[in-house]
PDB file of N, CA and C in Angstrom:
ATOM      1  N   MET A   1     -18.998 -54.515  37.968  1.00  0.00           N
ATOM      2  CA  MET A   1     -19.169 -54.354  36.885  1.00  0.00           C
ATOM      3  C   MET A   1     -20.359 -54.918  36.163  1.00  0.00           C
ATOM      4  N   ALA A   2     -20.807 -54.222  34.893  1.00  0.00           N
ATOM      5  CA  ALA A   2     -22.138 -54.936  34.261  1.00  0.00           C
ATOM      6  C   ALA A   2     -21.094 -55.746  33.182  1.00  0.00           C
ATOM      7  N   GLU A   3     -21.551 -57.126  32.879  1.00  0.00           N
ATOM      8  CA  GLU A   3     -21.090 -57.877  31.271  1.00  0.00           C
ATOM      9  C   GLU A   3     -21.660 -57.129  30.131  1.00  0.00           C
ATOM     10  N   GLY A   4     -19.827 -57.215  29.214  1.00  0.00           N
ATOM     11  CA  GLY A   4     -20.105 -56.544  27.801  1.00  0.00           C
ATOM     12  C   GLY A   4     -19.615 -55.174  28.470  1.00  0.00           C
ATOM     13  N   LYS A   5     -19.619 -55.102  29.809  1.00  0.00           N
ATOM     14  CA  LYS A   5     -18.692 -53.369  29.803  1.00  0.00           C
ATOM     15  C   LYS A   5     -17.788 -53.198  29.850  1.00  0.00           C
ATOM     16  N   VAL A   6     -16.690 -52.163  29.223  1.00  0.00           N
ATOM     17  CA  VAL A   6     -15.504 -52.701  29.061  1.00  0.00           C
ATOM     18  C   VAL A   6     -15.170 -51.670  30.329  1.00  0.00           C
ATOM     19  N   GLU A   7     -14.292 -51.671  31.237  1.00  0.00           N
ATOM     20  CA  GLU A   7     -13.398 -51.049  32.103  1.00  0.00           C
ATOM     21  C   GLU A   7     -12.650 -50.173  31.398  1.00  0.00           C
ATOM     22  N   TYR A   8     -12.289 -48.928  31.305  1.00  0.00           N
ATOM     23  CA  TYR A   8     -11.425 -47.771  31.263  1.00  0.00           C
ATOM     24  C   TYR A   8     -11.086 -47.078  32.200  1.00  0.00           C
ATOM     25  N   THR A   9      -9.828 -47.084  32.078  1.00  0.00           N
ATOM     26  CA  THR A   9      -8.765 -46.944  33.306  1.00  0.00           C
ATOM     27  C   THR A   9      -7.840 -45.890  32.608  1.00  0.00           C
ATOM     28  N   GLU A  10      -7.235 -45.486  33.167  1.00  0.00           N
ATOM     29  CA  GLU A  10      -5.783 -44.861  32.971  1.00  0.00           C
ATOM     30  C   GLU A  10      -4.361 -45.609  32.585  1.00  0.00           C
ATOM     31  N   ASP A  11      -4.672 -46.389  32.809  1.00  0.00           N
ATOM     32  CA  ASP A  11      -3.732 -47.392  31.672  1.00  0.00           C
ATOM     33  C   ASP A  11      -3.776 -47.660  29.919  1.00  0.00           C
ATOM     34  N   ASN A  12      -5.146 -47.297  29.824  1.00  0.00           N
ATOM     35  CA  ASN A  12      -6.106 -47.383  28.297  1.00  0.00           C
ATOM     36  C   ASN A  12      -5.155 -45.800  27.698  1.00  0.00           C
ATOM     37  N   ILE A  13      -5.121 -45.044  28.138  1.00  0.00           N
ATOM     38  CA  ILE A  13      -4.359 -43.946  27.945  1.00  0.00           C
ATOM     39  C   ILE A  13      -2.966 -43.786  27.324  1.00  0.00           C
ATOM     40  N   ARG A  14      -2.728 -43.783  26.084  1.00  0.00           N
ATOM     41  CA  ARG A  14      -1.522 -43.246  25.406  1.00  0.00           C
ATOM     42  C   ARG A  14      -1.057 -41.722  24.609  1.00  0.00           C
ATOM     43  N   SER A  15      -0.016 -41.423  25.421  1.00  0.00           N
ATOM     44  CA  SER A  15       0.599 -40.420  25.078  1.00  0.00           C
ATOM     45  C   SER A  15       1.262 -40.323  23.537  1.00  0.00           C
ATOM     46  N   LEU A  16       1.082 -39.746  22.506  1.00  0.00           N
ATOM     47  CA  LEU A  16       1.225 -39.858  20.681  1.00  0.00           C
ATOM     48  C   LEU A  16       2.456 -38.324  21.079  1.00  0.00           C
ATOM     49  N   ASP A  17       3.286 -38.604  19.688  1.00  0.00           N
ATOM     50  CA  ASP A  17       3.994 -37.798  19.478  1.00  0.00           C
ATOM     51  C   ASP A  17       3.565 -36.734  19.012  1.00  0.00           C
ATOM     52  N   TRP A  18       4.166 -35.154  18.711  1.00  0.00           N
ATOM     53  CA  TRP A  18       4.143 -34.805  18.319  1.00  0.00           C
ATOM     54  C   TRP A  18       3.260 -34.949  16.897  1.00  0.00           C
ATOM     55  N   LYS A  19       4.083 -35.623  16.299  1.00  0.00           N
ATOM     56  CA  LYS A  19       3.506 -35.895  14.596  1.00  0.00           C
ATOM     57  C   LYS A  19       2.501 -36.347  14.557  1.00  0.00           C
ATOM     58  N   GLU A  20       2.707 -37.251  15.485  1.00  0.00           N
ATOM     59  CA  GLU A  20       1.806 -38.952  15.459  1.00  0.00           C
ATOM     60  C   GLU A  20       0.198 -38.290  15.628  1.00  0.00           C
ATOM     61  N   HIS A  21      -0.091 -37.594  16.211  1.00  0.00           N
ATOM     62  CA  HIS A  21      -1.520 -37.187  16.832  1.00  0.00           C
ATOM     63  C   HIS A  21      -2.010 -36.104  15.524  1.00  0.00           C
ATOM     64  N   ILE A  22      -0.818 -35.472  14.834  1.00  0.00           N
ATOM     65  CA  ILE A  22      -1.328 -34.975  14.020  1.00  0.00           C
ATOM     66  C   ILE A  22      -1.935 -36.206  12.461  1.00  0.00           C
ATOM     67  N   ARG A  23      -0.938 -36.857  12.324  1.00  0.00           N
ATOM     68  CA  ARG A  23      -1.142 -38.088  11.530  1.00  0.00           C
ATOM     69  C   ARG A  23      -2.439 -39.061  11.413  1.00  0.00           C
ATOM     70  N   MET A  24      -2.854 -39.115  12.941  1.00  0.00           N
ATOM     71  CA  MET A  24      -3.543 -39.552  13.239  1.00  0.00           C
ATOM     72  C   MET A  24      -5.080 -39.185  13.234  1.00  0.00           C
ATOM     73  N   ARG A  25      -5.193 -37.921  13.319  1.00  0.00           N
ATOM     74  CA  ARG A  25      -6.684 -37.008  13.393  1.00  0.00           C
ATOM     75  C   ARG A  25      -6.367 -35.887  12.753  1.00  0.00           C
ATOM     76  N   PRO A  26      -6.175 -35.414  11.652  1.00  0.00           N
ATOM     77  CA  PRO A  26      -6.039 -34.569  11.010  1.00  0.00           C
ATOM     78  C   PRO A  26      -6.933 -33.437  10.231  1.00  0.00           C
ATOM     79  N   GLY A  27      -8.089 -34.341  10.596  1.00  0.00           N
ATOM     80  CA  GLY A  27      -9.308 -33.224  10.668  1.00  0.00           C
ATOM     81  C   GLY A  27      -9.460 -32.599  11.619  1.00  0.00           C
ATOM     82  N   MET A  28      -8.940 -32.820  13.077  1.00  0.00           N
ATOM     83  CA  MET A  28      -8.641 -31.492  14.161  1.00  0.00           C
ATOM     84  C   MET A  28      -8.465 -30.728  13.633  1.00  0.00           C
ATOM     85  N   TYR A  29      -7.171 -30.927  12.929  1.00  0.00           N
ATOM     86  CA  TYR A  29      -6.326 -29.291  12.404  1.00  0.00           C
ATOM     87  C   TYR A  29      -6.748 -28.929  11.163  1.00  0.00           C
ATOM     88  N   ILE A  30      -6.777 -29.341  10.218  1.00  0.00           N
ATOM     89  CA  ILE A  30      -7.398 -28.818   9.030  1.00  0.00           C
ATOM     90  C   ILE A  30      -8.942 -28.289   8.743  1.00  0.00           C
ATOM     91  N   GLY A  31      -9.636 -29.131   9.697  1.00  0.00           N
ATOM     92  CA  GLY A  31     -11.332 -29.250   9.520  1.00  0.00           C
ATOM     93  C   GLY A  31     -11.622 -30.667   8.248  1.00  0.00           C
ATOM     94  N   LYS A  32     -12.637 -30.370   7.575  1.00  0.00           N
ATOM     95  CA  LYS A  32     -13.247 -30.889   6.590  1.00  0.00           C
ATOM     96  C   LYS A  32     -12.447 -31.846   5.533  1.00  0.00           C
ATOM     97  N   LEU A  33     -12.137 -33.112   5.363  1.00  0.00           N
ATOM     98  CA  LEU A  33     -11.429 -34.163   4.317  1.00  0.00           C
ATOM     99  C   LEU A  33     -12.523 -33.997   3.465  1.00  0.00           C
ATOM    100  N   GLY A  34     -12.086 -33.129   2.733  1.00  0.00           N
ATOM    101  CA  GLY A  34     -13.151 -33.412   1.300  1.00  0.00           C
ATOM    102  C   GLY A  34     -11.884 -33.936   0.269  1.00  0.00           C
ATOM    103  N   ASP A  35     -12.282 -33.729  -0.965  1.00  0.00           N
ATOM    104  CA  ASP A  35     -12.017 -33.629  -2.228  1.00  0.00           C
ATOM    105  C   ASP A  35     -11.810 -32.613  -3.025  1.00  0.00           C
ATOM    106  N   GLY A  36     -11.518 -31.614  -2.479  1.00  0.00           N
ATOM    107  CA  GLY A  36     -11.513 -30.206  -3.128  1.00  0.00           C
ATOM    108  C   GLY A  36     -12.466 -29.337  -3.466  1.00  0.00           C
ATOM    109  N   SER A  37     -13.325 -30.195  -3.664  1.00  0.00           N
ATOM    110  CA  SER A  37     -14.876 -29.563  -4.593  1.00  0.00           C
ATOM    111  C   SER A  37     -15.715 -28.147  -3.674  1.00  0.00           C
ATOM    112  N   SER A  38     -15.122 -28.071  -2.901  1.00  0.00           N
ATOM    113  CA  SER A  38     -16.115 -27.242  -1.384  1.00  0.00           C
ATOM    114  C   SER A  38     -15.094 -26.354  -1.371  1.00  0.00           C
ATOM    115  N   SER A  39     -15.223 -25.232  -1.097  1.00  0.00           N
ATOM    116  CA  SER A  39     -14.720 -24.022  -0.462  1.00  0.00           C
ATOM    117  C   SER A  39     -14.024 -24.098   0.990  1.00  0.00           C
ATOM    118  N   ASP A  40     -14.537 -24.801   2.118  1.00  0.00           N
ATOM    119  CA  ASP A  40     -13.967 -25.219   2.806  1.00  0.00           C
ATOM    120  C   ASP A  40     -13.507 -26.422   2.833  1.00  0.00           C
ATOM    121  N   ASP A  41     -13.163 -27.609   2.339  1.00  0.00           N
ATOM    122  CA  ASP A  41     -12.371 -28.908   2.395  1.00  0.00           C
ATOM    123  C   ASP A  41     -11.091 -28.372   3.185  1.00  0.00           C
ATOM    124  N   GLY A  42     -10.327 -29.561   3.795  1.00  0.00           N
ATOM    125  CA  GLY A  42      -9.056 -28.818   4.475  1.00  0.00           C
ATOM    126  C   GLY A  42      -8.217 -28.311   3.443  1.00  0.00           C
ATOM    127  N   ILE A  43      -8.251 -28.508   2.354  1.00  0.00           N
ATOM    128  CA  ILE A  43      -6.774 -28.144   1.670  1.00  0.00           C
ATOM    129  C   ILE A  43      -6.987 -26.495   1.392  1.00  0.00           C
ATOM    130  N   TYR A  44      -7.721 -26.324   1.413  1.00  0.00           N
ATOM    131  CA  TYR A  44      -8.621 -24.958   1.259  1.00  0.00           C
ATOM    132  C   TYR A  44      -7.731 -24.026   2.423  1.00  0.00           C
ATOM    133  N   VAL A  45      -8.468 -24.745   3.260  1.00  0.00           N
ATOM    134  CA  VAL A  45      -8.209 -23.921   4.814  1.00  0.00           C
ATOM    135  C   VAL A  45      -7.430 -23.757   5.123  1.00  0.00           C
ATOM    136  N   LEU A  46      -5.700 -24.844   4.541  1.00  0.00           N
ATOM    137  CA  LEU A  46      -4.772 -24.869   4.862  1.00  0.00           C
ATOM    138  C   LEU A  46      -3.879 -23.642   3.546  1.00  0.00           C
ATOM    139  N   VAL A  47      -4.801 -24.000   2.454  1.00  0.00           N
ATOM    140  CA  VAL A  47      -4.514 -22.773   1.439  1.00  0.00           C
ATOM    141  C   VAL A  47      -3.944 -21.435   2.189  1.00  0.00           C
ATOM    142  N   LYS A  48      -5.163 -21.211   2.771  1.00  0.00           N
ATOM    143  CA  LYS A  48      -5.460 -19.724   3.345  1.00  0.00           C
ATOM    144  C   LYS A  48      -4.597 -19.972   4.957  1.00  0.00           C
ATOM    145  N   GLU A  49      -4.388 -19.870   5.040  1.00  0.00           N
ATOM    146  CA  GLU A  49      -3.331 -20.413   6.742  1.00  0.00           C
ATOM    147  C   GLU A  49      -2.151 -19.722   6.215  1.00  0.00           C
ATOM    148  N   VAL A  50      -1.786 -20.233   4.934  1.00  0.00           N
ATOM    149  CA  VAL A  50      -0.321 -20.145   4.846  1.00  0.00           C
ATOM    150  C   VAL A  50      -0.302 -19.093   4.074  1.00  0.00           C
ATOM    151  N   VAL A  51      -1.256 -18.916   3.550  1.00  0.00           N
ATOM    152  CA  VAL A  51      -1.029 -17.270   2.649  1.00  0.00           C
ATOM    153  C   VAL A  51      -1.487 -16.137   3.963  1.00  0.00           C
ATOM    154  N   ASP A  52      -2.242 -16.242   4.809  1.00  0.00           N
ATOM    155  CA  ASP A  52      -1.957 -14.974   5.487  1.00  0.00           C
ATOM    156  C   ASP A  52      -1.350 -14.725   6.717  1.00  0.00           C
ATOM    157  N   ASN A  53      -0.295 -15.921   6.848  1.00  0.00           N
ATOM    158  CA  ASN A  53       0.749 -16.457   7.738  1.00  0.00           C
ATOM    159  C   ASN A  53       1.772 -15.313   6.812  1.00  0.00           C
ATOM    160  N   SER A  54       1.517 -16.128   5.489  1.00  0.00           N
ATOM    161  CA  SER A  54       2.981 -15.107   5.325  1.00  0.00           C
ATOM    162  C   SER A  54       2.560 -13.813   5.062  1.00  0.00           C
ATOM    163  N   ILE A  55       1.516 -13.396   4.935  1.00  0.00           N
ATOM    164  CA  ILE A  55       1.023 -12.021   4.672  1.00  0.00           C
ATOM    165  C   ILE A  55       1.350 -10.834   5.518  1.00  0.00           C
ATOM    166  N   ASP A  56       1.670 -11.705   7.132  1.00  0.00           N
ATOM    167  CA  ASP A  56       1.114 -11.267   8.719  1.00  0.00           C
ATOM    168  C   ASP A  56       2.946 -10.892   8.681  1.00  0.00           C
ATOM    169  N   GLU A  57       3.342 -11.858   8.311  1.00  0.00           N
ATOM    170  CA  GLU A  57       5.014 -12.082   8.181  1.00  0.00           C
ATOM    171  C   GLU A  57       5.722 -11.274   7.387  1.00  0.00           C
ATOM    172  N   PHE A  58       4.793 -10.765   6.574  1.00  0.00           N
ATOM    173  CA  PHE A  58       5.546  -9.885   5.566  1.00  0.00           C
ATOM    174  C   PHE A  58       5.523  -8.798   5.777  1.00  0.00           C
ATOM    175  N   VAL A  59       4.520  -8.068   6.195  1.00  0.00           N
ATOM    176  CA  VAL A  59       3.572  -6.884   6.760  1.00  0.00           C
ATOM    177  C   VAL A  59       4.236  -6.272   8.335  1.00  0.00           C
ATOM    178  N   MET A  60       4.348  -7.387   9.031  1.00  0.00           N
ATOM    179  CA  MET A  60       5.717  -7.595  10.611  1.00  0.00           C
ATOM    180  C   MET A  60       7.378  -6.664   9.948  1.00  0.00           C
ATOM    181  N   GLY A  61       7.599  -6.987   8.658  1.00  0.00           N
ATOM    182  CA  GLY A  61       8.477  -6.157   8.779  1.00  0.00           C
ATOM    183  C   GLY A  61      10.189  -8.185   8.523  1.00  0.00           C
ATOM    184  N   ASN A  62       9.589  -9.194   8.094  1.00  0.00           N
ATOM    185  CA  ASN A  62       9.830 -10.339   8.201  1.00  0.00           C
ATOM    186  C   ASN A  62      10.285 -10.679   6.969  1.00  0.00           C
ATOM    187  N   GLY A  63      10.896 -10.011   5.914  1.00  0.00           N
ATOM    188  CA  GLY A  63      11.715 -10.202   4.115  1.00  0.00           C
ATOM    189  C   GLY A  63      10.561  -9.243   3.809  1.00  0.00           C
ATOM    190  N   LYS A  64      11.144  -9.009   2.944  1.00  0.00           N
ATOM    191  CA  LYS A  64      11.626  -7.600   1.713  1.00  0.00           C
ATOM    192  C   LYS A  64      10.379  -8.758   0.761  1.00  0.00           C
ATOM    193  N   LYS A  65       9.997  -9.878   0.410  1.00  0.00           N
ATOM    194  CA  LYS A  65       9.594 -10.148  -0.463  1.00  0.00           C
ATOM    195  C   LYS A  65       8.691 -11.409  -0.659  1.00  0.00           C
ATOM    196  N   ASN A  66       7.118 -11.207  -0.575  1.00  0.00           N
ATOM    197  CA  ASN A  66       6.421 -12.693  -0.616  1.00  0.00           C
ATOM    198  C   ASN A  66       5.663 -13.401  -1.885  1.00  0.00           C
ATOM    199  N   LEU A  67       6.387 -14.823  -2.157  1.00  0.00           N
ATOM    200  CA  LEU A  67       6.338 -15.013  -3.378  1.00  0.00           C
ATOM    201  C   LEU A  67       5.431 -16.802  -3.450  1.00  0.00           C
ATOM    202  N   CYS A  68       4.604 -16.340  -3.732  1.00  0.00           N
ATOM    203  CA  CYS A  68       3.625 -17.525  -3.625  1.00  0.00           C
ATOM    204  C   CYS A  68       3.686 -18.647  -5.038  1.00  0.00           C
ATOM    205  N   LYS A  69       4.307 -19.617  -5.167  1.00  0.00           N
ATOM    206  CA  LYS A  69       4.190 -20.232  -6.914  1.00  0.00           C
ATOM    207  C   LYS A  69       3.379 -21.705  -6.641  1.00  0.00           C
ATOM    208  N   ASP A  70       2.616 -21.273  -8.110  1.00  0.00           N
ATOM    209  CA  ASP A  70       1.821 -23.087  -8.086  1.00  0.00           C
ATOM    210  C   ASP A  70       2.619 -23.422  -8.985  1.00  0.00           C
ATOM    211  N   LYS A  71       3.003 -24.459  -8.577  1.00  0.00           N
ATOM    212  CA  LYS A  71       3.721 -25.654  -9.133  1.00  0.00           C
ATOM    213  C   LYS A  71       3.283 -25.901 -10.346  1.00  0.00           C
ATOM    214  N   TRP A  72       1.775 -26.097 -10.486  1.00  0.00           N
ATOM    215  CA  TRP A  72       1.704 -27.190 -11.520  1.00  0.00           C
ATOM    216  C   TRP A  72       1.158 -26.188 -12.896  1.00  0.00           C
ATOM    217  N   ARG A  73       1.116 -25.077 -12.697  1.00  0.00           N
ATOM    218  CA  ARG A  73       1.129 -24.122 -14.209  1.00  0.00           C
ATOM    219  C   ARG A  73       2.051 -24.036 -14.785  1.00  0.00           C
TER     220      ARG A  73
END
């Protein structure tokens, strides 16, 4: 092996539990981690996904009311 080169083996691989991998790499799941100033920031992606999913569930008959509240107003 060449000097200064690190050997990468199966022993270097670590399995993460379902929560740990999300905490370590949130950008993989929600996209760009911004400050909320851009429409493609991860927070807006999450909000859109929650609203879209709740509408889908309502349309499929899973509930009688679809309520989204803004707790800051």
